[in-house]
Amino acid sequence: MPTGLDKIDRAILCALQAEGRLQNQDLAARVGLSPSPCLRRVKRLEDQGIIKGYVALLDAAKVGIGLTVFARISLVAQDAETVGTFVQAMRALPPVVECHIMAGECDALLRVVAENMEGYRTFQMAHLTRHNGVQNVKTDIPMQTVKISTELPL
C-alpha cells in the first residue's frame, strides 16, 4: 500500500470503487468522518492521482457489443520503433479496450470488443496487420465470463 494511505483513505477508495456516484455526505457516514474532512481526503486522493477518474459501467450486450475476444499478438520485431508504432495504433482503436505489452509467448495481449464475430473479423483484417507491426494474431474466444471486476483489492 502506498505510503500515506491510512485506514480511512482505503475505506474511501473501497466505497468509491463500489459506487462511484456516492454522495459525499453518504461517503462520509460510511467511513466515519464528517463531510468536510471526507471531501478534503477525496480531493487529495484525486490530486495525487490515486483516484484517476469516474466512469459509468455499461452492459455491453445492451449497447450492441455481443463479443469479447482476447488477441495474442506477435510483432514483426521487438525494437522500440515497432513496439511504439503498434502501441500508438492500438491506443487509437476504440474496439481495443485493453492492450498489454507482454513478456512470454506473445508480445502483446489485447481485449477487443465487437458486435459479433463478423465485426471482429473485419476489425482484425483492417487493423491487426503488418502495417501496425503485427506478424501473427491468435484469437481466443471466451466461452463463459466468470468474473469481471474494476475494483482493486485494498
N, C-alpha and C. Protein backbone atom coordinates (compact mmCIF):
# COMPACT_ATOMS: atom_id res chain seq x y z
N MET A 1 0.86 -1.18 0.00
CA MET A 1 0.00 0.00 0.00
C MET A 1 0.90 1.24 0.00
N PRO A 2 0.62 2.22 -0.85
CA PRO A 2 1.44 3.42 -0.90
C PRO A 2 1.50 4.13 0.45
N THR A 3 2.64 4.72 0.71
CA THR A 3 2.81 5.49 1.94
C THR A 3 1.81 6.63 1.96
N GLY A 4 1.26 6.88 3.12
CA GLY A 4 0.33 7.98 3.26
C GLY A 4 -1.13 7.59 3.17
N LEU A 5 -1.43 6.34 2.79
CA LEU A 5 -2.82 5.89 2.77
C LEU A 5 -3.13 5.20 4.09
N ASP A 6 -4.03 5.80 4.84
CA ASP A 6 -4.40 5.19 6.11
C ASP A 6 -5.69 4.39 5.94
N LYS A 7 -6.19 3.90 7.05
CA LYS A 7 -7.40 3.06 7.04
C LYS A 7 -8.60 3.80 6.45
N ILE A 8 -8.73 5.07 6.76
CA ILE A 8 -9.86 5.85 6.25
C ILE A 8 -9.73 6.08 4.74
N ASP A 9 -8.50 6.39 4.28
CA ASP A 9 -8.29 6.54 2.84
C ASP A 9 -8.68 5.26 2.10
N ARG A 10 -8.25 4.12 2.62
CA ARG A 10 -8.58 2.84 1.99
C ARG A 10 -10.09 2.60 2.00
N ALA A 11 -10.76 2.98 3.09
CA ALA A 11 -12.21 2.83 3.16
C ALA A 11 -12.90 3.72 2.13
N ILE A 12 -12.41 4.93 1.97
CA ILE A 12 -12.96 5.84 0.95
C ILE A 12 -12.78 5.23 -0.43
N LEU A 13 -11.58 4.74 -0.71
CA LEU A 13 -11.30 4.15 -2.02
C LEU A 13 -12.17 2.93 -2.29
N CYS A 14 -12.33 2.09 -1.30
CA CYS A 14 -13.18 0.90 -1.47
C CYS A 14 -14.63 1.30 -1.76
N ALA A 15 -15.14 2.26 -1.00
CA ALA A 15 -16.53 2.69 -1.19
C ALA A 15 -16.73 3.31 -2.57
N LEU A 16 -15.78 4.14 -3.02
CA LEU A 16 -15.93 4.78 -4.32
C LEU A 16 -15.73 3.80 -5.47
N GLN A 17 -14.90 2.77 -5.28
CA GLN A 17 -14.76 1.74 -6.32
C GLN A 17 -16.07 1.00 -6.51
N ALA A 18 -16.77 0.75 -5.42
CA ALA A 18 -18.03 0.00 -5.49
C ALA A 18 -19.17 0.87 -6.00
N GLU A 19 -19.12 2.19 -5.68
CA GLU A 19 -20.22 3.08 -6.03
C GLU A 19 -19.67 4.49 -6.27
N GLY A 20 -19.24 4.73 -7.49
CA GLY A 20 -18.57 5.98 -7.83
C GLY A 20 -19.44 7.23 -7.71
N ARG A 21 -20.76 7.07 -7.73
CA ARG A 21 -21.66 8.22 -7.63
C ARG A 21 -22.10 8.49 -6.20
N LEU A 22 -21.47 7.87 -5.25
CA LEU A 22 -21.82 8.05 -3.84
C LEU A 22 -21.66 9.52 -3.47
N GLN A 23 -22.68 10.09 -2.90
CA GLN A 23 -22.64 11.49 -2.46
C GLN A 23 -21.67 11.62 -1.28
N ASN A 24 -21.03 12.78 -1.19
CA ASN A 24 -20.04 12.99 -0.14
C ASN A 24 -20.60 12.76 1.25
N GLN A 25 -21.81 13.19 1.51
CA GLN A 25 -22.40 13.01 2.84
C GLN A 25 -22.55 11.52 3.16
N ASP A 26 -23.01 10.72 2.19
CA ASP A 26 -23.15 9.28 2.40
C ASP A 26 -21.79 8.61 2.55
N LEU A 27 -20.82 9.05 1.74
CA LEU A 27 -19.47 8.51 1.84
C LEU A 27 -18.88 8.81 3.21
N ALA A 28 -19.05 10.03 3.67
CA ALA A 28 -18.53 10.42 4.98
C ALA A 28 -19.13 9.55 6.09
N ALA A 29 -20.43 9.31 6.02
CA ALA A 29 -21.09 8.48 7.03
C ALA A 29 -20.54 7.06 6.99
N ARG A 30 -20.30 6.53 5.79
CA ARG A 30 -19.78 5.16 5.66
C ARG A 30 -18.40 5.00 6.26
N VAL A 31 -17.57 6.03 6.12
CA VAL A 31 -16.18 5.89 6.57
C VAL A 31 -15.94 6.52 7.94
N GLY A 32 -16.98 7.08 8.54
CA GLY A 32 -16.86 7.61 9.89
C GLY A 32 -16.24 8.98 9.99
N LEU A 33 -16.48 9.83 9.00
CA LEU A 33 -15.98 11.20 9.02
C LEU A 33 -17.15 12.16 8.85
N SER A 34 -16.90 13.43 9.17
CA SER A 34 -17.88 14.45 8.81
C SER A 34 -17.62 14.82 7.35
N PRO A 35 -18.60 15.43 6.68
CA PRO A 35 -18.48 15.69 5.25
C PRO A 35 -17.26 16.50 4.81
N SER A 36 -16.91 17.56 5.54
CA SER A 36 -15.79 18.41 5.11
C SER A 36 -14.45 17.68 5.06
N PRO A 37 -14.05 16.97 6.13
CA PRO A 37 -12.79 16.23 6.06
C PRO A 37 -12.82 15.11 5.01
N CYS A 38 -13.99 14.53 4.83
CA CYS A 38 -14.12 13.47 3.83
C CYS A 38 -13.87 14.05 2.43
N LEU A 39 -14.48 15.18 2.15
CA LEU A 39 -14.31 15.83 0.85
C LEU A 39 -12.85 16.22 0.62
N ARG A 40 -12.18 16.72 1.68
CA ARG A 40 -10.76 17.07 1.57
C ARG A 40 -9.92 15.84 1.23
N ARG A 41 -10.24 14.70 1.85
CA ARG A 41 -9.50 13.47 1.58
C ARG A 41 -9.72 12.99 0.14
N VAL A 42 -10.95 13.04 -0.31
CA VAL A 42 -11.25 12.64 -1.70
C VAL A 42 -10.49 13.55 -2.66
N LYS A 43 -10.51 14.84 -2.42
CA LYS A 43 -9.80 15.79 -3.28
C LYS A 43 -8.30 15.49 -3.28
N ARG A 44 -7.73 15.18 -2.12
CA ARG A 44 -6.30 14.84 -2.03
C ARG A 44 -6.00 13.57 -2.82
N LEU A 45 -6.87 12.56 -2.70
CA LEU A 45 -6.68 11.31 -3.44
C LEU A 45 -6.78 11.54 -4.94
N GLU A 46 -7.65 12.46 -5.36
CA GLU A 46 -7.74 12.83 -6.78
C GLU A 46 -6.48 13.57 -7.22
N ASP A 47 -6.05 14.56 -6.41
CA ASP A 47 -4.87 15.36 -6.76
C ASP A 47 -3.61 14.50 -6.84
N GLN A 48 -3.53 13.48 -6.01
CA GLN A 48 -2.36 12.59 -6.03
C GLN A 48 -2.43 11.58 -7.17
N GLY A 49 -3.54 11.55 -7.88
CA GLY A 49 -3.68 10.61 -9.00
C GLY A 49 -4.04 9.21 -8.57
N ILE A 50 -4.35 9.02 -7.29
CA ILE A 50 -4.78 7.70 -6.81
C ILE A 50 -6.17 7.41 -7.35
N ILE A 51 -7.04 8.41 -7.29
CA ILE A 51 -8.34 8.33 -7.99
C ILE A 51 -8.10 8.99 -9.34
N LYS A 52 -8.14 8.15 -10.40
CA LYS A 52 -7.83 8.64 -11.74
C LYS A 52 -9.03 9.23 -12.45
N GLY A 53 -10.24 8.86 -12.05
CA GLY A 53 -11.43 9.37 -12.70
C GLY A 53 -12.64 8.58 -12.26
N TYR A 54 -13.78 8.92 -12.83
CA TYR A 54 -15.04 8.25 -12.51
C TYR A 54 -15.69 7.84 -13.83
N VAL A 55 -16.29 6.66 -13.86
CA VAL A 55 -16.89 6.17 -15.10
C VAL A 55 -18.24 5.52 -14.81
N ALA A 56 -19.00 5.35 -15.88
CA ALA A 56 -20.23 4.56 -15.82
C ALA A 56 -19.91 3.22 -16.47
N LEU A 57 -20.24 2.12 -15.80
CA LEU A 57 -20.01 0.79 -16.36
C LEU A 57 -21.26 0.38 -17.13
N LEU A 58 -21.06 0.00 -18.38
CA LEU A 58 -22.18 -0.30 -19.27
C LEU A 58 -22.37 -1.80 -19.44
N ASP A 59 -23.58 -2.20 -19.75
CA ASP A 59 -23.88 -3.57 -20.12
C ASP A 59 -23.60 -3.69 -21.61
N ALA A 60 -22.52 -4.39 -21.97
CA ALA A 60 -22.07 -4.46 -23.36
C ALA A 60 -23.16 -4.98 -24.29
N ALA A 61 -23.85 -6.03 -23.90
CA ALA A 61 -24.87 -6.62 -24.76
C ALA A 61 -26.00 -5.62 -25.04
N LYS A 62 -26.35 -4.80 -24.05
CA LYS A 62 -27.45 -3.85 -24.22
C LYS A 62 -27.08 -2.66 -25.10
N VAL A 63 -25.78 -2.49 -25.38
CA VAL A 63 -25.37 -1.42 -26.29
C VAL A 63 -24.84 -2.00 -27.61
N GLY A 64 -25.16 -3.28 -27.85
CA GLY A 64 -24.84 -3.89 -29.14
C GLY A 64 -23.45 -4.47 -29.27
N ILE A 65 -22.77 -4.67 -28.16
CA ILE A 65 -21.44 -5.29 -28.19
C ILE A 65 -21.58 -6.69 -27.61
N GLY A 66 -21.73 -7.66 -28.51
CA GLY A 66 -22.02 -9.02 -28.07
C GLY A 66 -20.83 -9.93 -27.99
N LEU A 67 -19.64 -9.45 -28.37
CA LEU A 67 -18.48 -10.32 -28.42
C LEU A 67 -17.27 -9.65 -27.79
N THR A 68 -16.59 -10.39 -26.94
CA THR A 68 -15.28 -10.01 -26.41
C THR A 68 -14.31 -11.10 -26.79
N VAL A 69 -13.16 -10.72 -27.33
CA VAL A 69 -12.12 -11.70 -27.65
C VAL A 69 -10.80 -11.23 -27.06
N PHE A 70 -9.90 -12.18 -26.90
CA PHE A 70 -8.54 -11.88 -26.48
C PHE A 70 -7.63 -12.24 -27.64
N ALA A 71 -6.85 -11.27 -28.09
CA ALA A 71 -5.96 -11.49 -29.22
C ALA A 71 -4.52 -11.48 -28.72
N ARG A 72 -3.84 -12.59 -28.95
CA ARG A 72 -2.42 -12.69 -28.61
C ARG A 72 -1.63 -12.30 -29.85
N ILE A 73 -0.83 -11.26 -29.73
CA ILE A 73 -0.14 -10.65 -30.86
C ILE A 73 1.35 -10.95 -30.81
N SER A 74 1.88 -11.38 -31.95
CA SER A 74 3.33 -11.45 -32.15
C SER A 74 3.68 -10.33 -33.12
N LEU A 75 4.65 -9.54 -32.76
CA LEU A 75 5.07 -8.42 -33.60
C LEU A 75 6.16 -8.87 -34.58
N VAL A 76 6.35 -8.10 -35.64
CA VAL A 76 7.39 -8.42 -36.62
C VAL A 76 8.78 -8.26 -36.03
N ALA A 77 8.90 -7.42 -35.00
CA ALA A 77 10.17 -7.22 -34.29
C ALA A 77 9.83 -6.65 -32.92
N GLN A 78 10.81 -6.68 -32.02
CA GLN A 78 10.58 -6.16 -30.68
C GLN A 78 11.36 -4.87 -30.41
N ASP A 79 11.81 -4.22 -31.48
CA ASP A 79 12.55 -2.97 -31.30
C ASP A 79 11.59 -1.84 -30.91
N ALA A 80 12.16 -0.77 -30.40
CA ALA A 80 11.36 0.34 -29.88
C ALA A 80 10.44 0.95 -30.94
N GLU A 81 10.90 1.06 -32.17
CA GLU A 81 10.08 1.66 -33.23
C GLU A 81 8.86 0.79 -33.54
N THR A 82 9.06 -0.52 -33.67
CA THR A 82 7.95 -1.42 -33.97
C THR A 82 6.94 -1.42 -32.84
N VAL A 83 7.42 -1.55 -31.61
CA VAL A 83 6.53 -1.56 -30.45
C VAL A 83 5.80 -0.22 -30.35
N GLY A 84 6.51 0.87 -30.56
CA GLY A 84 5.91 2.20 -30.49
C GLY A 84 4.81 2.39 -31.54
N THR A 85 5.06 1.94 -32.75
CA THR A 85 4.05 2.02 -33.81
C THR A 85 2.82 1.22 -33.44
N PHE A 86 3.03 0.01 -32.93
CA PHE A 86 1.92 -0.85 -32.52
C PHE A 86 1.12 -0.20 -31.40
N VAL A 87 1.80 0.27 -30.37
CA VAL A 87 1.13 0.87 -29.21
C VAL A 87 0.31 2.08 -29.64
N GLN A 88 0.88 2.93 -30.47
CA GLN A 88 0.17 4.12 -30.94
C GLN A 88 -1.09 3.72 -31.72
N ALA A 89 -0.96 2.71 -32.57
CA ALA A 89 -2.12 2.25 -33.35
C ALA A 89 -3.21 1.69 -32.44
N MET A 90 -2.84 0.89 -31.46
CA MET A 90 -3.83 0.27 -30.57
C MET A 90 -4.54 1.30 -29.72
N ARG A 91 -3.81 2.31 -29.27
CA ARG A 91 -4.44 3.37 -28.46
C ARG A 91 -5.52 4.11 -29.23
N ALA A 92 -5.40 4.16 -30.55
CA ALA A 92 -6.34 4.91 -31.38
C ALA A 92 -7.57 4.09 -31.78
N LEU A 93 -7.64 2.81 -31.41
CA LEU A 93 -8.72 1.93 -31.84
C LEU A 93 -9.71 1.69 -30.71
N PRO A 94 -10.91 2.27 -30.76
CA PRO A 94 -11.90 2.08 -29.70
C PRO A 94 -12.25 0.62 -29.39
N PRO A 95 -12.29 -0.30 -30.39
CA PRO A 95 -12.61 -1.69 -30.03
C PRO A 95 -11.55 -2.36 -29.15
N VAL A 96 -10.33 -1.83 -29.14
CA VAL A 96 -9.29 -2.36 -28.26
C VAL A 96 -9.48 -1.70 -26.90
N VAL A 97 -10.10 -2.43 -25.97
CA VAL A 97 -10.39 -1.85 -24.66
C VAL A 97 -9.29 -2.11 -23.65
N GLU A 98 -8.39 -3.05 -23.97
CA GLU A 98 -7.19 -3.27 -23.17
C GLU A 98 -6.07 -3.68 -24.11
N CYS A 99 -4.87 -3.19 -23.83
CA CYS A 99 -3.68 -3.58 -24.58
C CYS A 99 -2.53 -3.68 -23.60
N HIS A 100 -1.92 -4.85 -23.55
CA HIS A 100 -0.80 -5.07 -22.63
C HIS A 100 0.40 -5.56 -23.43
N ILE A 101 1.55 -4.94 -23.24
CA ILE A 101 2.79 -5.45 -23.81
C ILE A 101 3.27 -6.53 -22.85
N MET A 102 3.58 -7.70 -23.39
CA MET A 102 3.80 -8.87 -22.56
C MET A 102 5.25 -9.35 -22.59
N ALA A 103 5.62 -10.08 -21.55
CA ALA A 103 6.83 -10.90 -21.55
C ALA A 103 6.31 -12.33 -21.61
N GLY A 104 6.88 -13.16 -22.45
CA GLY A 104 6.40 -14.53 -22.57
C GLY A 104 6.19 -14.91 -24.02
N GLU A 105 5.20 -15.78 -24.27
CA GLU A 105 4.99 -16.32 -25.60
C GLU A 105 4.53 -15.29 -26.63
N CYS A 106 3.74 -14.32 -26.22
CA CYS A 106 3.28 -13.31 -27.18
C CYS A 106 3.87 -11.96 -26.79
N ASP A 107 3.85 -11.04 -27.75
CA ASP A 107 4.40 -9.71 -27.50
C ASP A 107 3.36 -8.76 -26.91
N ALA A 108 2.09 -9.01 -27.23
CA ALA A 108 1.02 -8.15 -26.72
C ALA A 108 -0.24 -8.98 -26.54
N LEU A 109 -1.05 -8.56 -25.61
CA LEU A 109 -2.35 -9.18 -25.38
C LEU A 109 -3.40 -8.07 -25.44
N LEU A 110 -4.40 -8.29 -26.30
CA LEU A 110 -5.47 -7.32 -26.47
C LEU A 110 -6.79 -7.90 -26.00
N ARG A 111 -7.61 -7.06 -25.42
CA ARG A 111 -9.02 -7.42 -25.23
C ARG A 111 -9.77 -6.52 -26.19
N VAL A 112 -10.48 -7.17 -27.10
CA VAL A 112 -11.17 -6.47 -28.18
C VAL A 112 -12.66 -6.77 -28.09
N VAL A 113 -13.48 -5.74 -28.27
CA VAL A 113 -14.93 -5.94 -28.27
C VAL A 113 -15.47 -5.64 -29.66
N ALA A 114 -16.54 -6.35 -30.01
CA ALA A 114 -17.18 -6.17 -31.31
C ALA A 114 -18.64 -6.56 -31.21
N GLU A 115 -19.39 -6.19 -32.21
CA GLU A 115 -20.81 -6.54 -32.25
C GLU A 115 -20.99 -8.05 -32.34
N ASN A 116 -20.16 -8.67 -33.19
CA ASN A 116 -20.27 -10.11 -33.42
C ASN A 116 -18.97 -10.60 -34.05
N MET A 117 -18.92 -11.88 -34.42
CA MET A 117 -17.70 -12.46 -34.98
C MET A 117 -17.32 -11.79 -36.30
N GLU A 118 -18.29 -11.47 -37.12
CA GLU A 118 -18.00 -10.79 -38.39
C GLU A 118 -17.39 -9.42 -38.14
N GLY A 119 -17.89 -8.72 -37.14
CA GLY A 119 -17.33 -7.43 -36.78
C GLY A 119 -15.88 -7.55 -36.34
N TYR A 120 -15.58 -8.58 -35.55
CA TYR A 120 -14.19 -8.79 -35.13
C TYR A 120 -13.32 -9.16 -36.32
N ARG A 121 -13.81 -10.04 -37.19
CA ARG A 121 -13.03 -10.46 -38.36
C ARG A 121 -12.67 -9.25 -39.21
N THR A 122 -13.63 -8.37 -39.43
CA THR A 122 -13.39 -7.16 -40.21
C THR A 122 -12.35 -6.28 -39.51
N PHE A 123 -12.49 -6.12 -38.20
CA PHE A 123 -11.53 -5.34 -37.41
C PHE A 123 -10.13 -5.93 -37.53
N GLN A 124 -10.04 -7.24 -37.35
CA GLN A 124 -8.72 -7.90 -37.40
C GLN A 124 -8.06 -7.70 -38.76
N MET A 125 -8.80 -7.89 -39.81
CA MET A 125 -8.24 -7.76 -41.16
C MET A 125 -7.80 -6.32 -41.45
N ALA A 126 -8.50 -5.36 -40.89
CA ALA A 126 -8.18 -3.97 -41.16
C ALA A 126 -7.06 -3.41 -40.28
N HIS A 127 -6.95 -3.91 -39.05
CA HIS A 127 -6.06 -3.24 -38.09
C HIS A 127 -4.95 -4.10 -37.50
N LEU A 128 -5.12 -5.39 -37.44
CA LEU A 128 -4.08 -6.24 -36.86
C LEU A 128 -3.23 -6.80 -38.00
N THR A 129 -2.50 -5.87 -38.63
CA THR A 129 -1.75 -6.17 -39.85
C THR A 129 -0.30 -5.75 -39.71
N ARG A 130 0.51 -6.15 -40.68
CA ARG A 130 1.93 -5.77 -40.70
C ARG A 130 2.10 -4.26 -40.68
N HIS A 131 1.15 -3.54 -41.24
CA HIS A 131 1.21 -2.06 -41.24
C HIS A 131 1.35 -1.53 -39.81
N ASN A 132 0.73 -2.22 -38.86
CA ASN A 132 0.81 -1.83 -37.45
C ASN A 132 1.84 -2.65 -36.69
N GLY A 133 2.71 -3.35 -37.41
CA GLY A 133 3.78 -4.11 -36.77
C GLY A 133 3.41 -5.51 -36.36
N VAL A 134 2.26 -6.00 -36.78
CA VAL A 134 1.77 -7.31 -36.36
C VAL A 134 2.24 -8.39 -37.33
N GLN A 135 2.84 -9.43 -36.78
CA GLN A 135 3.24 -10.57 -37.59
C GLN A 135 2.21 -11.69 -37.54
N ASN A 136 1.66 -11.92 -36.33
CA ASN A 136 0.76 -13.04 -36.14
C ASN A 136 -0.28 -12.69 -35.08
N VAL A 137 -1.51 -13.19 -35.27
CA VAL A 137 -2.59 -12.98 -34.32
C VAL A 137 -3.19 -14.34 -33.98
N LYS A 138 -3.31 -14.62 -32.70
CA LYS A 138 -4.03 -15.80 -32.24
C LYS A 138 -5.17 -15.31 -31.37
N THR A 139 -6.38 -15.61 -31.79
CA THR A 139 -7.56 -15.10 -31.11
C THR A 139 -8.16 -16.16 -30.20
N ASP A 140 -8.38 -15.81 -28.96
CA ASP A 140 -9.05 -16.68 -28.00
C ASP A 140 -10.43 -16.11 -27.73
N ILE A 141 -11.43 -16.99 -27.79
CA ILE A 141 -12.82 -16.57 -27.58
C ILE A 141 -13.32 -17.17 -26.27
N PRO A 142 -13.65 -16.34 -25.29
CA PRO A 142 -14.14 -16.89 -24.03
C PRO A 142 -15.51 -17.56 -24.20
N MET A 143 -15.66 -18.69 -23.55
CA MET A 143 -16.93 -19.42 -23.60
C MET A 143 -17.90 -18.95 -22.52
N GLN A 144 -17.34 -18.51 -21.38
CA GLN A 144 -18.16 -18.05 -20.25
C GLN A 144 -17.36 -17.03 -19.47
N THR A 145 -18.00 -15.95 -19.10
CA THR A 145 -17.35 -14.97 -18.24
C THR A 145 -17.72 -15.28 -16.80
N VAL A 146 -16.71 -15.57 -16.02
CA VAL A 146 -16.92 -15.94 -14.63
C VAL A 146 -16.82 -14.73 -13.71
N LYS A 147 -15.90 -13.82 -14.03
CA LYS A 147 -15.72 -12.65 -13.17
C LYS A 147 -15.11 -11.52 -13.98
N ILE A 148 -15.68 -10.35 -13.82
CA ILE A 148 -15.10 -9.11 -14.30
C ILE A 148 -15.22 -8.12 -13.15
N SER A 149 -14.13 -7.50 -12.80
CA SER A 149 -14.17 -6.52 -11.73
C SER A 149 -13.27 -5.35 -12.06
N THR A 150 -13.70 -4.17 -11.69
CA THR A 150 -12.85 -2.99 -11.82
C THR A 150 -12.28 -2.59 -10.46
N GLU A 151 -12.69 -3.30 -9.40
CA GLU A 151 -12.28 -2.95 -8.05
C GLU A 151 -10.96 -3.59 -7.69
N LEU A 152 -10.02 -2.77 -7.21
CA LEU A 152 -8.74 -3.28 -6.73
C LEU A 152 -8.87 -3.71 -5.28
N PRO A 153 -8.24 -4.82 -4.91
CA PRO A 153 -8.34 -5.26 -3.51
C PRO A 153 -7.48 -4.36 -2.60
N LEU A 154 -8.14 -3.67 -1.72
CA LEU A 154 -7.43 -2.78 -0.78
C LEU A 154 -7.60 -3.37 0.59
